[in-house]
Amino acid sequence: MEFEVRTRARRQFVDITPQVIEKVQASGVRSGLCVVYVRHTTAGVTVNENADPTVASDILRRLEALAPDDAGYAHLEGNSPAHIMATLVGSSATIPVVDGRLALGRWQGVFLTEFDGPRTRKVSVTVVGT
């Protein structure tokens, strides 16, 4: 199962929890695992707090400090920081499915992390029953 996300900024966290929940429900799986994967090299997927948006902005600031735009990269396309940030975040997240629902913590959400936007990103959701 797949869905698209249109990002609006160069770097941002996009809460994709509702779309992932929809795919889990459509799968009919009651117990198992949900793998959320982004098929791009300058974006990622993470599970983190979705109650306070300053958490996402804090994370983005730290990632920008780790991979600044002006670090003299060899990659000619000009988006090396985005590749580095995506590598640090990772391209997937695996979440348990319990009683047909994502087993997220109270404050957790699933995020697409955009590092080279705005773009249209494809997110793959695979739900496997146990």
N, C-alpha and C. Protein backbone atom coordinates (compact mmCIF):
# COMPACT_ATOMS: atom_id res chain seq x y z
N MET A 1 0.85 -1.17 0.00
CA MET A 1 0.00 0.00 0.00
C MET A 1 0.89 1.24 0.00
N GLU A 2 0.43 2.24 -0.66
CA GLU A 2 1.26 3.43 -0.83
C GLU A 2 0.38 4.68 -0.82
N PHE A 3 0.97 5.79 -0.40
CA PHE A 3 0.30 7.07 -0.52
C PHE A 3 1.35 8.14 -0.77
N GLU A 4 0.89 9.29 -1.26
CA GLU A 4 1.79 10.40 -1.55
C GLU A 4 1.62 11.50 -0.51
N VAL A 5 2.72 12.19 -0.26
CA VAL A 5 2.72 13.35 0.64
C VAL A 5 3.38 14.50 -0.10
N ARG A 6 2.68 15.61 -0.19
CA ARG A 6 3.24 16.81 -0.81
C ARG A 6 3.76 17.70 0.31
N THR A 7 5.08 17.89 0.33
CA THR A 7 5.67 18.75 1.37
C THR A 7 5.64 20.20 0.91
N ARG A 8 5.69 21.11 1.87
CA ARG A 8 5.55 22.53 1.57
C ARG A 8 6.81 23.35 1.82
N ALA A 9 7.79 22.76 2.48
CA ALA A 9 8.99 23.51 2.86
C ALA A 9 10.24 22.72 2.52
N ARG A 10 11.35 23.39 2.57
CA ARG A 10 12.63 22.72 2.30
C ARG A 10 12.87 21.61 3.31
N ARG A 11 12.63 21.92 4.58
CA ARG A 11 12.81 20.94 5.65
C ARG A 11 11.60 21.01 6.57
N GLN A 12 11.01 19.86 6.80
CA GLN A 12 9.86 19.84 7.69
C GLN A 12 9.54 18.42 8.14
N PHE A 13 8.79 18.33 9.22
CA PHE A 13 8.20 17.09 9.68
C PHE A 13 6.73 17.13 9.27
N VAL A 14 6.25 16.08 8.64
CA VAL A 14 4.85 15.99 8.25
C VAL A 14 4.24 14.80 8.99
N ASP A 15 3.22 15.05 9.79
CA ASP A 15 2.56 13.99 10.54
C ASP A 15 1.74 13.15 9.56
N ILE A 16 2.17 11.90 9.38
CA ILE A 16 1.46 10.99 8.47
C ILE A 16 0.73 9.90 9.24
N THR A 17 0.57 10.08 10.53
CA THR A 17 -0.09 9.08 11.36
C THR A 17 -1.48 8.71 10.83
N PRO A 18 -2.33 9.68 10.47
CA PRO A 18 -3.67 9.30 9.99
C PRO A 18 -3.64 8.41 8.74
N GLN A 19 -2.74 8.70 7.80
CA GLN A 19 -2.66 7.89 6.59
C GLN A 19 -2.17 6.47 6.91
N VAL A 20 -1.21 6.37 7.84
CA VAL A 20 -0.70 5.05 8.21
C VAL A 20 -1.80 4.25 8.92
N ILE A 21 -2.53 4.90 9.82
CA ILE A 21 -3.65 4.22 10.51
C ILE A 21 -4.66 3.70 9.48
N GLU A 22 -4.97 4.50 8.49
CA GLU A 22 -5.91 4.10 7.44
C GLU A 22 -5.43 2.84 6.72
N LYS A 23 -4.14 2.77 6.41
CA LYS A 23 -3.59 1.60 5.72
C LYS A 23 -3.61 0.37 6.62
N VAL A 24 -3.34 0.55 7.91
CA VAL A 24 -3.38 -0.58 8.84
C VAL A 24 -4.81 -1.12 8.92
N GLN A 25 -5.78 -0.23 9.04
CA GLN A 25 -7.18 -0.65 9.11
C GLN A 25 -7.60 -1.37 7.83
N ALA A 26 -7.17 -0.85 6.68
CA ALA A 26 -7.53 -1.47 5.40
C ALA A 26 -6.91 -2.85 5.24
N SER A 27 -5.80 -3.09 5.91
CA SER A 27 -5.12 -4.39 5.78
C SER A 27 -5.89 -5.51 6.46
N GLY A 28 -6.68 -5.18 7.47
CA GLY A 28 -7.40 -6.18 8.22
C GLY A 28 -6.55 -6.96 9.21
N VAL A 29 -5.28 -6.63 9.31
CA VAL A 29 -4.38 -7.33 10.24
C VAL A 29 -4.72 -6.92 11.67
N ARG A 30 -4.88 -7.89 12.53
CA ARG A 30 -5.20 -7.64 13.94
C ARG A 30 -3.96 -7.62 14.82
N SER A 31 -2.95 -8.41 14.46
CA SER A 31 -1.73 -8.51 15.26
C SER A 31 -0.55 -8.70 14.31
N GLY A 32 0.45 -7.86 14.45
CA GLY A 32 1.60 -7.99 13.56
C GLY A 32 2.50 -6.77 13.60
N LEU A 33 3.04 -6.44 12.44
CA LEU A 33 3.96 -5.31 12.32
C LEU A 33 3.57 -4.44 11.13
N CYS A 34 3.78 -3.16 11.30
CA CYS A 34 3.57 -2.19 10.23
C CYS A 34 4.92 -1.54 9.93
N VAL A 35 5.34 -1.64 8.68
CA VAL A 35 6.59 -1.00 8.25
C VAL A 35 6.22 0.18 7.37
N VAL A 36 6.70 1.36 7.76
CA VAL A 36 6.47 2.59 7.00
C VAL A 36 7.82 2.97 6.39
N TYR A 37 7.84 3.12 5.08
CA TYR A 37 9.10 3.31 4.36
C TYR A 37 8.95 4.42 3.33
N VAL A 38 9.93 5.31 3.26
CA VAL A 38 9.91 6.36 2.24
C VAL A 38 10.94 6.00 1.18
N ARG A 39 10.50 6.08 -0.08
CA ARG A 39 11.33 5.63 -1.21
C ARG A 39 12.15 6.78 -1.80
N HIS A 40 12.83 7.51 -0.95
CA HIS A 40 13.62 8.65 -1.43
C HIS A 40 14.89 8.77 -0.60
N THR A 41 15.93 9.37 -1.17
CA THR A 41 17.22 9.47 -0.48
C THR A 41 17.41 10.79 0.28
N THR A 42 16.45 11.69 0.16
CA THR A 42 16.56 12.96 0.89
C THR A 42 15.35 13.21 1.79
N ALA A 43 14.72 12.12 2.20
CA ALA A 43 13.60 12.18 3.13
C ALA A 43 13.73 10.97 4.06
N GLY A 44 13.01 11.01 5.17
CA GLY A 44 13.06 9.90 6.10
C GLY A 44 11.72 9.66 6.76
N VAL A 45 11.70 8.67 7.65
CA VAL A 45 10.52 8.35 8.45
C VAL A 45 10.97 8.18 9.89
N THR A 46 10.22 8.75 10.80
CA THR A 46 10.55 8.60 12.21
C THR A 46 9.27 8.57 13.05
N VAL A 47 9.38 8.03 14.23
CA VAL A 47 8.31 8.07 15.23
C VAL A 47 8.80 8.99 16.33
N ASN A 48 7.99 10.00 16.63
CA ASN A 48 8.38 10.94 17.69
C ASN A 48 7.14 11.63 18.22
N GLU A 49 7.35 12.59 19.09
CA GLU A 49 6.24 13.29 19.72
C GLU A 49 5.44 14.08 18.70
N ASN A 50 4.11 13.94 18.76
CA ASN A 50 3.26 14.74 17.87
C ASN A 50 2.33 15.68 18.63
N ALA A 51 2.59 15.87 19.93
CA ALA A 51 1.76 16.78 20.72
C ALA A 51 2.30 18.21 20.71
N ASP A 52 3.60 18.36 20.64
CA ASP A 52 4.23 19.68 20.71
C ASP A 52 5.10 19.88 19.47
N PRO A 53 4.72 20.77 18.55
CA PRO A 53 5.48 20.95 17.31
C PRO A 53 6.89 21.48 17.50
N THR A 54 7.20 22.00 18.68
CA THR A 54 8.56 22.49 18.89
C THR A 54 9.56 21.34 18.96
N VAL A 55 9.09 20.12 19.25
CA VAL A 55 10.00 18.97 19.23
C VAL A 55 10.56 18.80 17.82
N ALA A 56 9.71 18.83 16.82
CA ALA A 56 10.16 18.69 15.43
C ALA A 56 11.11 19.81 15.04
N SER A 57 10.79 21.03 15.42
CA SER A 57 11.68 22.14 15.05
C SER A 57 13.02 22.04 15.78
N ASP A 58 13.02 21.55 17.01
CA ASP A 58 14.28 21.33 17.73
C ASP A 58 15.13 20.27 17.02
N ILE A 59 14.50 19.19 16.60
CA ILE A 59 15.23 18.13 15.90
C ILE A 59 15.80 18.66 14.59
N LEU A 60 14.99 19.40 13.83
CA LEU A 60 15.49 19.95 12.57
C LEU A 60 16.68 20.88 12.79
N ARG A 61 16.62 21.71 13.82
CA ARG A 61 17.75 22.61 14.13
C ARG A 61 19.02 21.84 14.42
N ARG A 62 18.92 20.76 15.18
CA ARG A 62 20.10 19.96 15.52
C ARG A 62 20.64 19.25 14.28
N LEU A 63 19.75 18.74 13.43
CA LEU A 63 20.20 18.09 12.20
C LEU A 63 20.90 19.11 11.29
N GLU A 64 20.37 20.32 11.21
CA GLU A 64 21.02 21.36 10.41
C GLU A 64 22.39 21.71 10.96
N ALA A 65 22.55 21.65 12.28
CA ALA A 65 23.87 21.90 12.88
C ALA A 65 24.84 20.77 12.56
N LEU A 66 24.34 19.55 12.49
CA LEU A 66 25.20 18.41 12.17
C LEU A 66 25.59 18.37 10.69
N ALA A 67 24.71 18.86 9.82
CA ALA A 67 24.95 18.84 8.38
C ALA A 67 24.62 20.22 7.81
N PRO A 68 25.48 21.20 8.09
CA PRO A 68 25.19 22.57 7.62
C PRO A 68 25.28 22.69 6.10
N ASP A 69 24.57 23.65 5.56
CA ASP A 69 24.54 23.86 4.11
C ASP A 69 25.89 24.26 3.53
N ASP A 70 26.72 24.91 4.31
CA ASP A 70 27.97 25.50 3.80
C ASP A 70 29.22 24.72 4.20
N ALA A 71 29.15 23.40 4.19
CA ALA A 71 30.28 22.59 4.65
C ALA A 71 31.21 22.13 3.53
N GLY A 72 31.05 22.66 2.33
CA GLY A 72 31.96 22.34 1.24
C GLY A 72 31.84 20.90 0.73
N TYR A 73 30.64 20.46 0.47
CA TYR A 73 30.40 19.09 0.03
C TYR A 73 30.84 18.90 -1.42
N ALA A 74 31.20 17.68 -1.79
CA ALA A 74 31.62 17.35 -3.14
C ALA A 74 30.44 17.07 -4.07
N HIS A 75 29.32 16.64 -3.54
CA HIS A 75 28.14 16.29 -4.34
C HIS A 75 27.66 17.53 -5.08
N LEU A 76 27.63 17.47 -6.40
CA LEU A 76 27.37 18.65 -7.21
C LEU A 76 25.91 19.09 -7.23
N GLU A 77 25.00 18.22 -6.87
CA GLU A 77 23.58 18.57 -6.92
C GLU A 77 23.21 19.62 -5.87
N GLY A 78 24.04 19.76 -4.83
CA GLY A 78 23.82 20.79 -3.83
C GLY A 78 22.92 20.38 -2.68
N ASN A 79 22.59 19.10 -2.58
CA ASN A 79 21.70 18.68 -1.51
C ASN A 79 22.33 17.64 -0.58
N SER A 80 23.64 17.69 -0.45
CA SER A 80 24.32 16.76 0.45
C SER A 80 23.79 16.82 1.88
N PRO A 81 23.51 18.02 2.42
CA PRO A 81 22.95 18.02 3.78
C PRO A 81 21.67 17.19 3.89
N ALA A 82 20.84 17.22 2.85
CA ALA A 82 19.60 16.45 2.86
C ALA A 82 19.88 14.95 2.89
N HIS A 83 20.88 14.52 2.13
CA HIS A 83 21.26 13.10 2.13
C HIS A 83 21.78 12.67 3.51
N ILE A 84 22.57 13.53 4.12
CA ILE A 84 23.12 13.22 5.45
C ILE A 84 22.01 13.15 6.48
N MET A 85 21.12 14.12 6.48
CA MET A 85 20.01 14.13 7.44
C MET A 85 19.11 12.91 7.26
N ALA A 86 18.83 12.54 6.01
CA ALA A 86 18.00 11.37 5.76
C ALA A 86 18.68 10.09 6.26
N THR A 87 19.99 10.03 6.12
CA THR A 87 20.72 8.87 6.62
C THR A 87 20.65 8.80 8.14
N LEU A 88 20.77 9.94 8.79
CA LEU A 88 20.71 9.97 10.26
C LEU A 88 19.32 9.58 10.78
N VAL A 89 18.27 10.03 10.12
CA VAL A 89 16.90 9.73 10.54
C VAL A 89 16.52 8.30 10.16
N GLY A 90 16.90 7.89 8.96
CA GLY A 90 16.53 6.56 8.47
C GLY A 90 15.33 6.62 7.55
N SER A 91 15.18 5.61 6.74
CA SER A 91 14.14 5.61 5.72
C SER A 91 12.89 4.83 6.12
N SER A 92 12.88 4.24 7.32
CA SER A 92 11.72 3.45 7.71
C SER A 92 11.52 3.42 9.21
N ALA A 93 10.32 3.02 9.59
CA ALA A 93 9.97 2.78 11.00
C ALA A 93 9.09 1.55 11.04
N THR A 94 9.29 0.73 12.06
CA THR A 94 8.48 -0.47 12.26
C THR A 94 7.70 -0.30 13.55
N ILE A 95 6.38 -0.46 13.45
CA ILE A 95 5.49 -0.22 14.59
C ILE A 95 4.63 -1.47 14.79
N PRO A 96 4.51 -1.96 16.02
CA PRO A 96 3.63 -3.10 16.26
C PRO A 96 2.17 -2.76 15.96
N VAL A 97 1.43 -3.78 15.55
CA VAL A 97 -0.01 -3.68 15.39
C VAL A 97 -0.63 -4.60 16.43
N VAL A 98 -1.47 -4.03 17.29
CA VAL A 98 -2.12 -4.78 18.36
C VAL A 98 -3.62 -4.50 18.29
N ASP A 99 -4.41 -5.55 18.24
CA ASP A 99 -5.87 -5.42 18.15
C ASP A 99 -6.29 -4.53 16.98
N GLY A 100 -5.56 -4.65 15.86
CA GLY A 100 -5.91 -3.91 14.65
C GLY A 100 -5.52 -2.44 14.65
N ARG A 101 -4.73 -2.04 15.66
CA ARG A 101 -4.34 -0.62 15.78
C ARG A 101 -2.83 -0.49 15.91
N LEU A 102 -2.31 0.65 15.45
CA LEU A 102 -0.89 0.93 15.68
C LEU A 102 -0.65 1.04 17.18
N ALA A 103 0.38 0.37 17.67
CA ALA A 103 0.69 0.41 19.10
C ALA A 103 1.67 1.55 19.38
N LEU A 104 1.19 2.76 19.14
CA LEU A 104 1.99 3.96 19.42
C LEU A 104 1.78 4.39 20.86
N GLY A 105 2.79 5.03 21.41
CA GLY A 105 2.65 5.60 22.74
C GLY A 105 1.73 6.80 22.70
N ARG A 106 1.32 7.24 23.87
CA ARG A 106 0.34 8.33 24.01
C ARG A 106 0.69 9.58 23.20
N TRP A 107 1.95 9.96 23.19
CA TRP A 107 2.36 11.20 22.54
C TRP A 107 3.05 10.97 21.20
N GLN A 108 3.09 9.72 20.72
CA GLN A 108 3.83 9.41 19.51
C GLN A 108 3.00 9.57 18.24
N GLY A 109 3.70 9.95 17.19
CA GLY A 109 3.13 10.00 15.86
C GLY A 109 4.18 9.52 14.87
N VAL A 110 3.73 9.25 13.65
CA VAL A 110 4.62 8.82 12.58
C VAL A 110 4.82 10.03 11.66
N PHE A 111 6.07 10.32 11.35
CA PHE A 111 6.39 11.51 10.56
C PHE A 111 7.20 11.17 9.32
N LEU A 112 6.83 11.80 8.22
CA LEU A 112 7.71 11.90 7.07
C LEU A 112 8.63 13.09 7.37
N THR A 113 9.92 12.90 7.23
CA THR A 113 10.85 14.00 7.44
C THR A 113 11.38 14.45 6.08
N GLU A 114 11.10 15.67 5.73
CA GLU A 114 11.51 16.24 4.45
C GLU A 114 12.78 17.05 4.65
N PHE A 115 13.79 16.81 3.81
CA PHE A 115 15.05 17.53 3.91
C PHE A 115 15.45 18.22 2.61
N ASP A 116 14.66 18.07 1.54
CA ASP A 116 15.02 18.64 0.24
C ASP A 116 13.76 19.03 -0.53
N GLY A 117 12.85 19.69 0.17
CA GLY A 117 11.57 20.01 -0.43
C GLY A 117 11.52 21.41 -0.98
N PRO A 118 10.32 21.79 -1.35
CA PRO A 118 9.10 20.99 -1.35
C PRO A 118 9.10 19.99 -2.49
N ARG A 119 8.52 18.83 -2.20
CA ARG A 119 8.44 17.73 -3.17
C ARG A 119 7.20 16.88 -2.90
N THR A 120 6.94 15.99 -3.83
CA THR A 120 5.93 14.96 -3.61
C THR A 120 6.67 13.68 -3.28
N ARG A 121 6.37 13.10 -2.13
CA ARG A 121 7.06 11.90 -1.65
C ARG A 121 6.11 10.71 -1.66
N LYS A 122 6.64 9.55 -1.96
CA LYS A 122 5.86 8.31 -1.92
C LYS A 122 6.23 7.56 -0.65
N VAL A 123 5.20 7.19 0.11
CA VAL A 123 5.38 6.45 1.35
C VAL A 123 4.73 5.09 1.17
N SER A 124 5.48 4.05 1.49
CA SER A 124 5.00 2.67 1.39
C SER A 124 4.66 2.17 2.80
N VAL A 125 3.53 1.50 2.93
CA VAL A 125 3.11 0.91 4.19
C VAL A 125 2.89 -0.58 3.96
N THR A 126 3.62 -1.40 4.69
CA THR A 126 3.48 -2.85 4.62
C THR A 126 3.04 -3.35 5.98
N VAL A 127 1.93 -4.07 6.01
CA VAL A 127 1.41 -4.60 7.27
C VAL A 127 1.45 -6.12 7.17
N VAL A 128 2.14 -6.74 8.12
CA VAL A 128 2.32 -8.19 8.13
C VAL A 128 1.71 -8.75 9.40
N GLY A 129 0.84 -9.71 9.26
CA GLY A 129 0.21 -10.33 10.42
C GLY A 129 1.06 -11.44 11.00
N THR A 130 0.86 -11.68 12.28
CA THR A 130 1.60 -12.77 12.94
C THR A 130 0.66 -13.90 13.31
